[in-house]
Amino acid sequence: MSITDLQGCLTFLREAERLKSVLRSAYTSTGQQESTAEHSWRLCLMAMVFASEFPTLDLAKTLKLCVLHDLGEALHGDVPAVQQAQNPGKSDVERADLQTLMQTLPRPLFDDFMGLWEEYENASSPEARIVKGLDKLETILQHNQGINPSGFDYAFNLDYGQKHMGEHPLLQQIRTLVDADTRARHADNAPQRKP
């Protein structure tokens, strides 16, 4: 690798560090607001834990998709799942931000990463469709596990990402379990009626 390419890669890595500070609407089990980088890390872990259930998938490609899927959020932040329907340009902003973030990478690496991001965004491969499903499940898992603020909308989880669960029976099985957790959390947080 040339010194120019090496410096470009280091610049990219320094800029990508911003993802550690991008906060999501979910909270951890200790009450700390979750970062997008933390979400992406556990998504990678989920893909590794369940990899044997997806024997036809390329695990390296699956993990790359997990790492790259939210990287564009490093510049302008995360749009919470509950607000995504009101932000139709979210994908375009993330695409432009990712291109800006990666501008110092050597062109072959830039093209590879951009292609993987587009593949995820368009769910155009079996790996991308599984990662989309796992991504939604990780979000719901965190919502259910976290110490959330008063009035947190657990009912939202029951519809969130349903369209991505049909790709594999395992996604549906996990969904059944996390939905049961969601219903329990929702019941525990329901306002109490006065006698």
N, C-alpha and C. Protein backbone atom coordinates (compact mmCIF):
# COMPACT_ATOMS: atom_id res chain seq x y z
N MET A 1 0.86 -1.18 0.00
CA MET A 1 0.00 0.00 0.00
C MET A 1 0.90 1.24 0.00
N SER A 2 0.58 2.16 -0.86
CA SER A 2 1.38 3.39 -0.93
C SER A 2 1.16 4.23 0.32
N ILE A 3 2.09 5.12 0.60
CA ILE A 3 1.97 6.00 1.77
C ILE A 3 0.74 6.89 1.64
N THR A 4 0.41 7.30 0.43
CA THR A 4 -0.79 8.13 0.21
C THR A 4 -2.06 7.33 0.54
N ASP A 5 -2.12 6.09 0.07
CA ASP A 5 -3.28 5.24 0.37
C ASP A 5 -3.36 4.95 1.87
N LEU A 6 -2.21 4.70 2.47
CA LEU A 6 -2.17 4.43 3.91
C LEU A 6 -2.68 5.64 4.70
N GLN A 7 -2.23 6.82 4.32
CA GLN A 7 -2.69 8.04 5.00
C GLN A 7 -4.19 8.24 4.79
N GLY A 8 -4.68 7.94 3.59
CA GLY A 8 -6.11 8.06 3.30
C GLY A 8 -6.93 7.10 4.15
N CYS A 9 -6.42 5.88 4.34
CA CYS A 9 -7.11 4.91 5.18
C CYS A 9 -7.16 5.37 6.64
N LEU A 10 -6.04 5.91 7.11
CA LEU A 10 -6.01 6.40 8.49
C LEU A 10 -6.95 7.60 8.68
N THR A 11 -7.03 8.46 7.69
CA THR A 11 -7.97 9.59 7.75
C THR A 11 -9.39 9.07 7.84
N PHE A 12 -9.71 8.08 7.01
CA PHE A 12 -11.05 7.47 7.05
C PHE A 12 -11.33 6.88 8.43
N LEU A 13 -10.39 6.14 8.98
CA LEU A 13 -10.59 5.52 10.30
C LEU A 13 -10.77 6.57 11.39
N ARG A 14 -10.06 7.67 11.28
CA ARG A 14 -10.23 8.75 12.27
C ARG A 14 -11.63 9.35 12.16
N GLU A 15 -12.10 9.54 10.94
CA GLU A 15 -13.44 10.10 10.73
C GLU A 15 -14.52 9.10 11.16
N ALA A 16 -14.32 7.83 10.88
CA ALA A 16 -15.30 6.80 11.25
C ALA A 16 -15.46 6.69 12.76
N GLU A 17 -14.46 7.13 13.51
CA GLU A 17 -14.53 7.09 14.98
C GLU A 17 -15.72 7.88 15.50
N ARG A 18 -16.22 8.82 14.72
CA ARG A 18 -17.38 9.62 15.12
C ARG A 18 -18.59 8.74 15.46
N LEU A 19 -18.66 7.56 14.83
CA LEU A 19 -19.81 6.68 15.04
C LEU A 19 -19.92 6.27 16.52
N LYS A 20 -18.80 6.28 17.23
CA LYS A 20 -18.82 5.94 18.66
C LYS A 20 -19.62 6.95 19.48
N SER A 21 -19.75 8.17 18.97
CA SER A 21 -20.44 9.23 19.69
C SER A 21 -21.85 9.50 19.19
N VAL A 22 -22.27 8.80 18.14
CA VAL A 22 -23.63 8.97 17.61
C VAL A 22 -24.57 8.16 18.48
N LEU A 23 -25.47 8.86 19.15
CA LEU A 23 -26.39 8.20 20.07
C LEU A 23 -27.69 7.81 19.37
N ARG A 24 -28.21 6.67 19.79
CA ARG A 24 -29.49 6.15 19.29
C ARG A 24 -30.56 6.39 20.35
N SER A 25 -31.78 6.03 20.03
CA SER A 25 -32.87 6.26 20.98
C SER A 25 -32.97 5.14 22.02
N ALA A 26 -32.17 4.09 21.86
CA ALA A 26 -32.20 2.96 22.81
C ALA A 26 -31.23 3.21 23.97
N TYR A 27 -31.51 2.53 25.06
CA TYR A 27 -30.66 2.62 26.25
C TYR A 27 -30.15 1.23 26.60
N THR A 28 -28.96 1.19 27.22
CA THR A 28 -28.38 -0.08 27.62
C THR A 28 -29.03 -0.56 28.92
N SER A 29 -28.64 -1.74 29.34
CA SER A 29 -29.19 -2.31 30.58
C SER A 29 -28.69 -1.58 31.82
N THR A 30 -27.73 -0.66 31.65
CA THR A 30 -27.28 0.16 32.78
C THR A 30 -27.85 1.58 32.69
N GLY A 31 -28.68 1.83 31.68
CA GLY A 31 -29.31 3.14 31.53
C GLY A 31 -28.53 4.13 30.70
N GLN A 32 -27.42 3.72 30.12
CA GLN A 32 -26.62 4.60 29.25
C GLN A 32 -27.23 4.60 27.86
N GLN A 33 -27.29 5.75 27.22
CA GLN A 33 -27.81 5.81 25.86
C GLN A 33 -26.84 5.07 24.93
N GLU A 34 -27.38 4.23 24.09
CA GLU A 34 -26.58 3.39 23.19
C GLU A 34 -26.04 4.20 22.02
N SER A 35 -24.82 3.88 21.60
CA SER A 35 -24.26 4.50 20.40
C SER A 35 -24.52 3.60 19.19
N THR A 36 -24.43 4.20 18.01
CA THR A 36 -24.59 3.43 16.79
C THR A 36 -23.48 2.39 16.66
N ALA A 37 -22.28 2.74 17.09
CA ALA A 37 -21.17 1.79 17.04
C ALA A 37 -21.46 0.57 17.92
N GLU A 38 -22.04 0.80 19.08
CA GLU A 38 -22.39 -0.32 19.97
C GLU A 38 -23.47 -1.21 19.33
N HIS A 39 -24.43 -0.58 18.69
CA HIS A 39 -25.47 -1.34 17.97
C HIS A 39 -24.84 -2.20 16.87
N SER A 40 -23.94 -1.60 16.09
CA SER A 40 -23.29 -2.34 15.01
C SER A 40 -22.45 -3.49 15.54
N TRP A 41 -21.78 -3.27 16.67
CA TRP A 41 -20.99 -4.34 17.28
C TRP A 41 -21.87 -5.53 17.64
N ARG A 42 -23.02 -5.27 18.30
CA ARG A 42 -23.85 -6.41 18.70
C ARG A 42 -24.53 -7.06 17.50
N LEU A 43 -24.78 -6.29 16.46
CA LEU A 43 -25.30 -6.88 15.24
C LEU A 43 -24.29 -7.86 14.65
N CYS A 44 -23.02 -7.49 14.66
CA CYS A 44 -21.96 -8.42 14.21
C CYS A 44 -21.95 -9.68 15.08
N LEU A 45 -22.07 -9.48 16.37
CA LEU A 45 -22.06 -10.61 17.29
C LEU A 45 -23.25 -11.53 17.02
N MET A 46 -24.42 -10.95 16.77
CA MET A 46 -25.60 -11.76 16.44
C MET A 46 -25.35 -12.58 15.19
N ALA A 47 -24.77 -11.96 14.17
CA ALA A 47 -24.50 -12.67 12.92
C ALA A 47 -23.54 -13.84 13.17
N MET A 48 -22.58 -13.66 14.04
CA MET A 48 -21.64 -14.74 14.36
C MET A 48 -22.32 -15.84 15.17
N VAL A 49 -23.13 -15.46 16.14
CA VAL A 49 -23.81 -16.44 17.00
C VAL A 49 -24.72 -17.35 16.18
N PHE A 50 -25.42 -16.77 15.21
CA PHE A 50 -26.39 -17.54 14.43
C PHE A 50 -25.85 -18.00 13.07
N ALA A 51 -24.58 -17.82 12.80
CA ALA A 51 -23.99 -18.13 11.49
C ALA A 51 -24.25 -19.58 11.06
N SER A 52 -24.21 -20.52 12.00
CA SER A 52 -24.41 -21.92 11.62
C SER A 52 -25.82 -22.19 11.10
N GLU A 53 -26.76 -21.31 11.41
CA GLU A 53 -28.14 -21.45 10.92
C GLU A 53 -28.29 -20.94 9.49
N PHE A 54 -27.27 -20.25 9.00
CA PHE A 54 -27.29 -19.69 7.65
C PHE A 54 -26.09 -20.24 6.86
N PRO A 55 -26.01 -21.56 6.68
CA PRO A 55 -24.80 -22.16 6.11
C PRO A 55 -24.50 -21.75 4.67
N THR A 56 -25.49 -21.27 3.94
CA THR A 56 -25.23 -20.88 2.55
C THR A 56 -24.74 -19.44 2.42
N LEU A 57 -24.75 -18.69 3.52
CA LEU A 57 -24.31 -17.30 3.46
C LEU A 57 -22.80 -17.20 3.62
N ASP A 58 -22.23 -16.16 3.02
CA ASP A 58 -20.83 -15.83 3.17
C ASP A 58 -20.69 -15.02 4.46
N LEU A 59 -20.09 -15.61 5.50
CA LEU A 59 -20.01 -14.95 6.80
C LEU A 59 -19.18 -13.68 6.73
N ALA A 60 -18.08 -13.69 6.01
CA ALA A 60 -17.25 -12.48 5.91
C ALA A 60 -18.06 -11.34 5.31
N LYS A 61 -18.81 -11.63 4.25
CA LYS A 61 -19.64 -10.61 3.62
C LYS A 61 -20.74 -10.15 4.57
N THR A 62 -21.33 -11.08 5.29
CA THR A 62 -22.38 -10.75 6.26
C THR A 62 -21.84 -9.79 7.31
N LEU A 63 -20.65 -10.06 7.83
CA LEU A 63 -20.06 -9.19 8.85
C LEU A 63 -19.70 -7.82 8.28
N LYS A 64 -19.23 -7.79 7.05
CA LYS A 64 -18.94 -6.49 6.42
C LYS A 64 -20.22 -5.66 6.32
N LEU A 65 -21.32 -6.30 5.93
CA LEU A 65 -22.59 -5.59 5.85
C LEU A 65 -23.01 -5.06 7.21
N CYS A 66 -22.81 -5.86 8.25
CA CYS A 66 -23.14 -5.43 9.61
C CYS A 66 -22.34 -4.20 10.01
N VAL A 67 -21.06 -4.21 9.71
CA VAL A 67 -20.18 -3.10 10.09
C VAL A 67 -20.52 -1.83 9.31
N LEU A 68 -20.83 -1.98 8.03
CA LEU A 68 -21.02 -0.82 7.16
C LEU A 68 -22.44 -0.25 7.15
N HIS A 69 -23.44 -1.02 7.59
CA HIS A 69 -24.83 -0.64 7.33
C HIS A 69 -25.23 0.72 7.88
N ASP A 70 -24.68 1.14 9.01
CA ASP A 70 -25.01 2.44 9.61
C ASP A 70 -23.84 3.41 9.63
N LEU A 71 -22.76 3.11 8.92
CA LEU A 71 -21.57 3.95 8.99
C LEU A 71 -21.83 5.38 8.53
N GLY A 72 -22.73 5.56 7.57
CA GLY A 72 -23.06 6.91 7.10
C GLY A 72 -23.64 7.80 8.19
N GLU A 73 -24.12 7.21 9.28
CA GLU A 73 -24.67 7.99 10.39
C GLU A 73 -23.59 8.74 11.17
N ALA A 74 -22.33 8.45 10.89
CA ALA A 74 -21.24 9.10 11.62
C ALA A 74 -21.25 10.61 11.44
N LEU A 75 -21.77 11.11 10.33
CA LEU A 75 -21.73 12.55 10.08
C LEU A 75 -22.96 13.30 10.57
N HIS A 76 -24.15 12.78 10.27
CA HIS A 76 -25.37 13.52 10.65
C HIS A 76 -26.25 12.78 11.64
N GLY A 77 -25.77 11.68 12.19
CA GLY A 77 -26.48 11.02 13.27
C GLY A 77 -27.52 10.01 12.81
N ASP A 78 -28.15 9.44 13.81
CA ASP A 78 -29.15 8.40 13.62
C ASP A 78 -30.54 9.01 13.58
N VAL A 79 -31.39 8.45 12.74
CA VAL A 79 -32.81 8.79 12.77
C VAL A 79 -33.49 7.64 13.50
N PRO A 80 -34.06 7.90 14.69
CA PRO A 80 -34.70 6.82 15.44
C PRO A 80 -35.75 6.08 14.60
N ALA A 81 -35.86 4.80 14.85
CA ALA A 81 -36.79 3.96 14.10
C ALA A 81 -38.20 4.55 14.08
N VAL A 82 -38.64 5.09 15.20
CA VAL A 82 -40.01 5.63 15.28
C VAL A 82 -40.20 6.86 14.39
N GLN A 83 -39.11 7.49 13.95
CA GLN A 83 -39.20 8.70 13.12
C GLN A 83 -38.85 8.45 11.65
N GLN A 84 -38.47 7.23 11.30
CA GLN A 84 -37.99 6.97 9.93
C GLN A 84 -39.07 7.16 8.88
N ALA A 85 -40.31 6.89 9.19
CA ALA A 85 -41.39 7.08 8.22
C ALA A 85 -41.56 8.55 7.86
N GLN A 86 -41.21 9.45 8.79
CA GLN A 86 -41.31 10.89 8.53
C GLN A 86 -40.05 11.46 7.89
N ASN A 87 -39.06 10.61 7.62
CA ASN A 87 -37.80 11.04 7.03
C ASN A 87 -37.51 10.25 5.76
N PRO A 88 -38.26 10.49 4.68
CA PRO A 88 -38.09 9.69 3.47
C PRO A 88 -36.72 9.87 2.81
N GLY A 89 -36.00 10.93 3.11
CA GLY A 89 -34.68 11.15 2.53
C GLY A 89 -33.53 10.57 3.33
N LYS A 90 -33.85 9.79 4.36
CA LYS A 90 -32.82 9.23 5.24
C LYS A 90 -31.75 8.47 4.45
N SER A 91 -32.15 7.63 3.55
CA SER A 91 -31.22 6.83 2.77
C SER A 91 -30.29 7.71 1.93
N ASP A 92 -30.84 8.72 1.32
CA ASP A 92 -30.03 9.62 0.48
C ASP A 92 -28.99 10.37 1.31
N VAL A 93 -29.39 10.81 2.49
CA VAL A 93 -28.45 11.51 3.38
C VAL A 93 -27.35 10.57 3.83
N GLU A 94 -27.71 9.36 4.23
CA GLU A 94 -26.70 8.39 4.66
C GLU A 94 -25.75 8.03 3.53
N ARG A 95 -26.28 7.87 2.33
CA ARG A 95 -25.43 7.55 1.17
C ARG A 95 -24.43 8.67 0.94
N ALA A 96 -24.90 9.91 0.91
CA ALA A 96 -24.00 11.06 0.68
C ALA A 96 -22.98 11.18 1.80
N ASP A 97 -23.42 10.98 3.05
CA ASP A 97 -22.49 11.06 4.18
C ASP A 97 -21.45 9.96 4.12
N LEU A 98 -21.85 8.77 3.74
CA LEU A 98 -20.89 7.66 3.62
C LEU A 98 -19.87 7.96 2.53
N GLN A 99 -20.32 8.51 1.41
CA GLN A 99 -19.39 8.87 0.34
C GLN A 99 -18.39 9.93 0.82
N THR A 100 -18.88 10.89 1.57
CA THR A 100 -17.99 11.92 2.12
C THR A 100 -17.00 11.30 3.10
N LEU A 101 -17.49 10.45 3.96
CA LEU A 101 -16.65 9.80 4.96
C LEU A 101 -15.54 8.96 4.33
N MET A 102 -15.85 8.33 3.21
CA MET A 102 -14.91 7.40 2.58
C MET A 102 -14.07 8.03 1.48
N GLN A 103 -14.17 9.33 1.29
CA GLN A 103 -13.52 9.97 0.14
C GLN A 103 -12.00 9.83 0.11
N THR A 104 -11.38 9.55 1.26
CA THR A 104 -9.92 9.42 1.28
C THR A 104 -9.45 7.97 1.08
N LEU A 105 -10.38 7.03 1.00
CA LEU A 105 -10.01 5.63 0.79
C LEU A 105 -9.51 5.41 -0.64
N PRO A 106 -8.64 4.44 -0.84
CA PRO A 106 -8.27 4.07 -2.21
C PRO A 106 -9.54 3.67 -2.97
N ARG A 107 -9.60 4.01 -4.24
CA ARG A 107 -10.83 3.82 -5.03
C ARG A 107 -11.38 2.40 -4.98
N PRO A 108 -10.54 1.36 -5.08
CA PRO A 108 -11.12 0.00 -5.03
C PRO A 108 -11.83 -0.28 -3.70
N LEU A 109 -11.27 0.22 -2.61
CA LEU A 109 -11.89 0.02 -1.29
C LEU A 109 -13.17 0.84 -1.18
N PHE A 110 -13.12 2.09 -1.66
CA PHE A 110 -14.31 2.94 -1.68
C PHE A 110 -15.44 2.24 -2.45
N ASP A 111 -15.12 1.74 -3.64
CA ASP A 111 -16.14 1.08 -4.46
C ASP A 111 -16.69 -0.18 -3.79
N ASP A 112 -15.81 -0.96 -3.15
CA ASP A 112 -16.23 -2.17 -2.46
C ASP A 112 -17.18 -1.84 -1.32
N PHE A 113 -16.80 -0.89 -0.47
CA PHE A 113 -17.63 -0.51 0.68
C PHE A 113 -18.95 0.09 0.22
N MET A 114 -18.91 0.94 -0.80
CA MET A 114 -20.14 1.57 -1.28
C MET A 114 -21.07 0.51 -1.87
N GLY A 115 -20.50 -0.44 -2.60
CA GLY A 115 -21.30 -1.52 -3.16
C GLY A 115 -21.97 -2.35 -2.08
N LEU A 116 -21.24 -2.64 -1.01
CA LEU A 116 -21.82 -3.40 0.09
C LEU A 116 -22.94 -2.61 0.77
N TRP A 117 -22.73 -1.30 0.96
CA TRP A 117 -23.76 -0.47 1.60
C TRP A 117 -25.03 -0.46 0.73
N GLU A 118 -24.85 -0.30 -0.58
CA GLU A 118 -26.00 -0.30 -1.51
C GLU A 118 -26.71 -1.65 -1.47
N GLU A 119 -25.93 -2.71 -1.40
CA GLU A 119 -26.50 -4.06 -1.32
C GLU A 119 -27.38 -4.20 -0.08
N TYR A 120 -26.89 -3.69 1.05
CA TYR A 120 -27.69 -3.72 2.28
C TYR A 120 -28.94 -2.85 2.10
N GLU A 121 -28.74 -1.65 1.66
CA GLU A 121 -29.84 -0.69 1.55
C GLU A 121 -30.96 -1.24 0.66
N ASN A 122 -30.58 -1.93 -0.41
CA ASN A 122 -31.57 -2.46 -1.36
C ASN A 122 -31.96 -3.90 -1.06
N ALA A 123 -31.38 -4.48 -0.01
CA ALA A 123 -31.65 -5.89 0.34
C ALA A 123 -31.52 -6.78 -0.89
N SER A 124 -30.43 -6.59 -1.62
CA SER A 124 -30.29 -7.25 -2.92
C SER A 124 -29.51 -8.56 -2.91
N SER A 125 -29.21 -9.08 -1.73
CA SER A 125 -28.55 -10.38 -1.64
C SER A 125 -29.12 -11.13 -0.43
N PRO A 126 -28.94 -12.43 -0.39
CA PRO A 126 -29.39 -13.17 0.80
C PRO A 126 -28.73 -12.66 2.08
N GLU A 127 -27.43 -12.32 1.99
CA GLU A 127 -26.73 -11.80 3.18
C GLU A 127 -27.36 -10.48 3.64
N ALA A 128 -27.63 -9.60 2.69
CA ALA A 128 -28.22 -8.30 3.05
C ALA A 128 -29.59 -8.47 3.67
N ARG A 129 -30.39 -9.40 3.16
CA ARG A 129 -31.73 -9.60 3.71
C ARG A 129 -31.67 -10.17 5.13
N ILE A 130 -30.73 -11.06 5.38
CA ILE A 130 -30.57 -11.60 6.75
C ILE A 130 -30.07 -10.50 7.68
N VAL A 131 -29.11 -9.70 7.23
CA VAL A 131 -28.60 -8.61 8.08
C VAL A 131 -29.71 -7.61 8.37
N LYS A 132 -30.55 -7.31 7.40
CA LYS A 132 -31.69 -6.40 7.65
C LYS A 132 -32.58 -6.96 8.75
N GLY A 133 -32.88 -8.25 8.68
CA GLY A 133 -33.70 -8.86 9.72
C GLY A 133 -33.03 -8.83 11.08
N LEU A 134 -31.75 -9.20 11.12
CA LEU A 134 -31.02 -9.18 12.39
C LEU A 134 -30.90 -7.76 12.94
N ASP A 135 -30.74 -6.79 12.06
CA ASP A 135 -30.65 -5.39 12.48
C ASP A 135 -31.91 -4.96 13.23
N LYS A 136 -33.05 -5.31 12.69
CA LYS A 136 -34.32 -4.96 13.35
C LYS A 136 -34.45 -5.71 14.68
N LEU A 137 -34.05 -6.97 14.68
CA LEU A 137 -34.13 -7.76 15.92
C LEU A 137 -33.19 -7.23 16.99
N GLU A 138 -32.00 -6.79 16.59
CA GLU A 138 -31.06 -6.23 17.58
C GLU A 138 -31.65 -4.97 18.19
N THR A 139 -32.27 -4.15 17.38
CA THR A 139 -32.89 -2.91 17.89
C THR A 139 -33.98 -3.24 18.91
N ILE A 140 -34.83 -4.18 18.59
CA ILE A 140 -35.92 -4.56 19.51
C ILE A 140 -35.35 -5.20 20.77
N LEU A 141 -34.36 -6.05 20.61
CA LEU A 141 -33.70 -6.67 21.77
C LEU A 141 -33.17 -5.61 22.71
N GLN A 142 -32.54 -4.57 22.14
CA GLN A 142 -32.00 -3.49 22.99
C GLN A 142 -33.13 -2.69 23.64
N HIS A 143 -34.17 -2.42 22.89
CA HIS A 143 -35.31 -1.70 23.49
C HIS A 143 -35.85 -2.47 24.70
N ASN A 144 -35.94 -3.78 24.56
CA ASN A 144 -36.49 -4.61 25.64
C ASN A 144 -35.53 -4.77 26.81
N GLN A 145 -34.26 -4.71 26.54
CA GLN A 145 -33.24 -4.93 27.57
C GLN A 145 -32.86 -3.66 28.31
N GLY A 146 -33.03 -2.53 27.67
CA GLY A 146 -32.54 -1.28 28.22
C GLY A 146 -33.38 -0.71 29.35
N ILE A 147 -32.74 0.15 30.11
CA ILE A 147 -33.45 0.94 31.12
C ILE A 147 -33.88 2.21 30.39
N ASN A 148 -35.12 2.22 29.94
CA ASN A 148 -35.62 3.28 29.08
C ASN A 148 -36.34 4.36 29.87
N PRO A 149 -36.43 5.55 29.29
CA PRO A 149 -37.14 6.62 29.98
C PRO A 149 -38.63 6.32 30.11
N SER A 150 -39.25 7.00 31.04
CA SER A 150 -40.68 6.87 31.25
C SER A 150 -41.42 7.18 29.94
N GLY A 151 -42.43 6.40 29.64
CA GLY A 151 -43.22 6.63 28.44
C GLY A 151 -42.63 6.02 27.18
N PHE A 152 -41.59 5.21 27.32
CA PHE A 152 -40.98 4.57 26.15
C PHE A 152 -42.05 3.75 25.42
N ASP A 153 -42.09 3.83 24.10
CA ASP A 153 -43.14 3.20 23.30
C ASP A 153 -42.77 1.76 22.92
N TYR A 154 -43.02 0.83 23.83
CA TYR A 154 -42.73 -0.58 23.55
C TYR A 154 -43.64 -1.15 22.48
N ALA A 155 -44.86 -0.64 22.36
CA ALA A 155 -45.80 -1.15 21.37
C ALA A 155 -45.26 -0.99 19.95
N PHE A 156 -44.44 0.03 19.73
CA PHE A 156 -43.83 0.26 18.42
C PHE A 156 -43.06 -0.98 17.96
N ASN A 157 -42.39 -1.63 18.90
CA ASN A 157 -41.56 -2.80 18.55
C ASN A 157 -42.36 -3.91 17.87
N LEU A 158 -43.62 -4.04 18.21
CA LEU A 158 -44.42 -5.16 17.71
C LEU A 158 -44.62 -5.12 16.19
N ASP A 159 -44.58 -3.94 15.60
CA ASP A 159 -44.71 -3.80 14.14
C ASP A 159 -43.37 -3.58 13.46
N TYR A 160 -42.41 -3.04 14.20
CA TYR A 160 -41.13 -2.63 13.61
C TYR A 160 -40.41 -3.80 12.94
N GLY A 161 -40.07 -3.61 11.67
CA GLY A 161 -39.26 -4.57 10.94
C GLY A 161 -39.91 -5.88 10.57
N GLN A 162 -41.22 -6.01 10.76
CA GLN A 162 -41.90 -7.28 10.47
C GLN A 162 -41.65 -7.77 9.05
N LYS A 163 -41.57 -6.85 8.10
CA LYS A 163 -41.41 -7.26 6.70
C LYS A 163 -40.08 -7.96 6.43
N HIS A 164 -39.13 -7.85 7.34
CA HIS A 164 -37.82 -8.47 7.15
C HIS A 164 -37.70 -9.83 7.82
N MET A 165 -38.76 -10.31 8.43
CA MET A 165 -38.69 -11.56 9.18
C MET A 165 -38.94 -12.81 8.33
N GLY A 166 -39.45 -12.64 7.12
CA GLY A 166 -39.79 -13.79 6.29
C GLY A 166 -38.62 -14.40 5.55
N GLU A 167 -37.45 -13.82 5.66
CA GLU A 167 -36.29 -14.32 4.91
C GLU A 167 -35.80 -15.68 5.39
N HIS A 168 -36.01 -15.98 6.67
CA HIS A 168 -35.51 -17.25 7.22
C HIS A 168 -36.34 -17.62 8.45
N PRO A 169 -36.63 -18.91 8.65
CA PRO A 169 -37.42 -19.33 9.81
C PRO A 169 -36.78 -18.92 11.16
N LEU A 170 -35.45 -18.86 11.22
CA LEU A 170 -34.81 -18.46 12.47
C LEU A 170 -35.18 -17.03 12.85
N LEU A 171 -35.24 -16.14 11.87
CA LEU A 171 -35.63 -14.76 12.16
C LEU A 171 -37.04 -14.73 12.77
N GLN A 172 -37.93 -15.55 12.24
CA GLN A 172 -39.29 -15.62 12.76
C GLN A 172 -39.31 -16.17 14.19
N GLN A 173 -38.47 -17.18 14.45
CA GLN A 173 -38.40 -17.75 15.81
C GLN A 173 -37.89 -16.71 16.81
N ILE A 174 -36.83 -16.02 16.44
CA ILE A 174 -36.28 -14.98 17.33
C ILE A 174 -37.33 -13.90 17.53
N ARG A 175 -38.02 -13.54 16.46
CA ARG A 175 -39.03 -12.50 16.54
C ARG A 175 -40.14 -12.87 17.53
N THR A 176 -40.56 -14.12 17.52
CA THR A 176 -41.58 -14.58 18.46
C THR A 176 -41.12 -14.37 19.90
N LEU A 177 -39.87 -14.69 20.16
CA LEU A 177 -39.33 -14.53 21.52
C LEU A 177 -39.21 -13.07 21.93
N VAL A 178 -38.68 -12.23 21.03
CA VAL A 178 -38.52 -10.82 21.41
C VAL A 178 -39.87 -10.11 21.48
N ASP A 179 -40.83 -10.55 20.68
CA ASP A 179 -42.18 -9.97 20.79
C ASP A 179 -42.81 -10.30 22.14
N ALA A 180 -42.57 -11.50 22.64
CA ALA A 180 -43.07 -11.86 23.97
C ALA A 180 -42.44 -10.96 25.03
N ASP A 181 -41.14 -10.69 24.88
CA ASP A 181 -40.47 -9.77 25.81
C ASP A 181 -41.06 -8.36 25.70
N THR A 182 -41.32 -7.94 24.46
CA THR A 182 -41.90 -6.61 24.25
C THR A 182 -43.26 -6.50 24.94
N ARG A 183 -44.09 -7.51 24.78
CA ARG A 183 -45.42 -7.48 25.40
C ARG A 183 -45.31 -7.41 26.92
N ALA A 184 -44.35 -8.14 27.48
CA ALA A 184 -44.16 -8.11 28.94
C ALA A 184 -43.68 -6.73 29.38
N ARG A 185 -42.73 -6.14 28.66
CA ARG A 185 -42.23 -4.80 29.01
C ARG A 185 -43.34 -3.77 28.87
N HIS A 186 -44.14 -3.90 27.81
CA HIS A 186 -45.23 -2.97 27.57
C HIS A 186 -46.26 -3.05 28.71
N ALA A 187 -46.58 -4.27 29.12
CA ALA A 187 -47.53 -4.46 30.22
C ALA A 187 -46.99 -3.88 31.53
N ASP A 188 -45.69 -4.08 31.78
CA ASP A 188 -45.07 -3.55 33.00
C ASP A 188 -45.07 -2.02 33.02
N ASN A 189 -45.04 -1.39 31.85
CA ASN A 189 -44.95 0.07 31.77
C ASN A 189 -46.28 0.74 31.46
N ALA A 190 -47.35 -0.04 31.37
CA ALA A 190 -48.66 0.54 31.08
C ALA A 190 -49.10 1.40 32.27
N PRO A 191 -49.71 2.53 31.98
CA PRO A 191 -50.21 3.37 33.08
C PRO A 191 -51.23 2.61 33.92
N GLN A 192 -51.14 2.78 35.21
CA GLN A 192 -52.07 2.11 36.12
C GLN A 192 -53.36 2.93 36.23
N ARG A 193 -54.48 2.25 36.19
CA ARG A 193 -55.77 2.93 36.35
C ARG A 193 -56.03 3.21 37.83
N LYS A 194 -56.57 4.37 38.07
CA LYS A 194 -56.91 4.72 39.45
C LYS A 194 -58.26 4.07 39.79
N PRO A 195 -58.37 3.50 41.01
CA PRO A 195 -59.63 2.85 41.41
C PRO A 195 -60.77 3.84 41.55
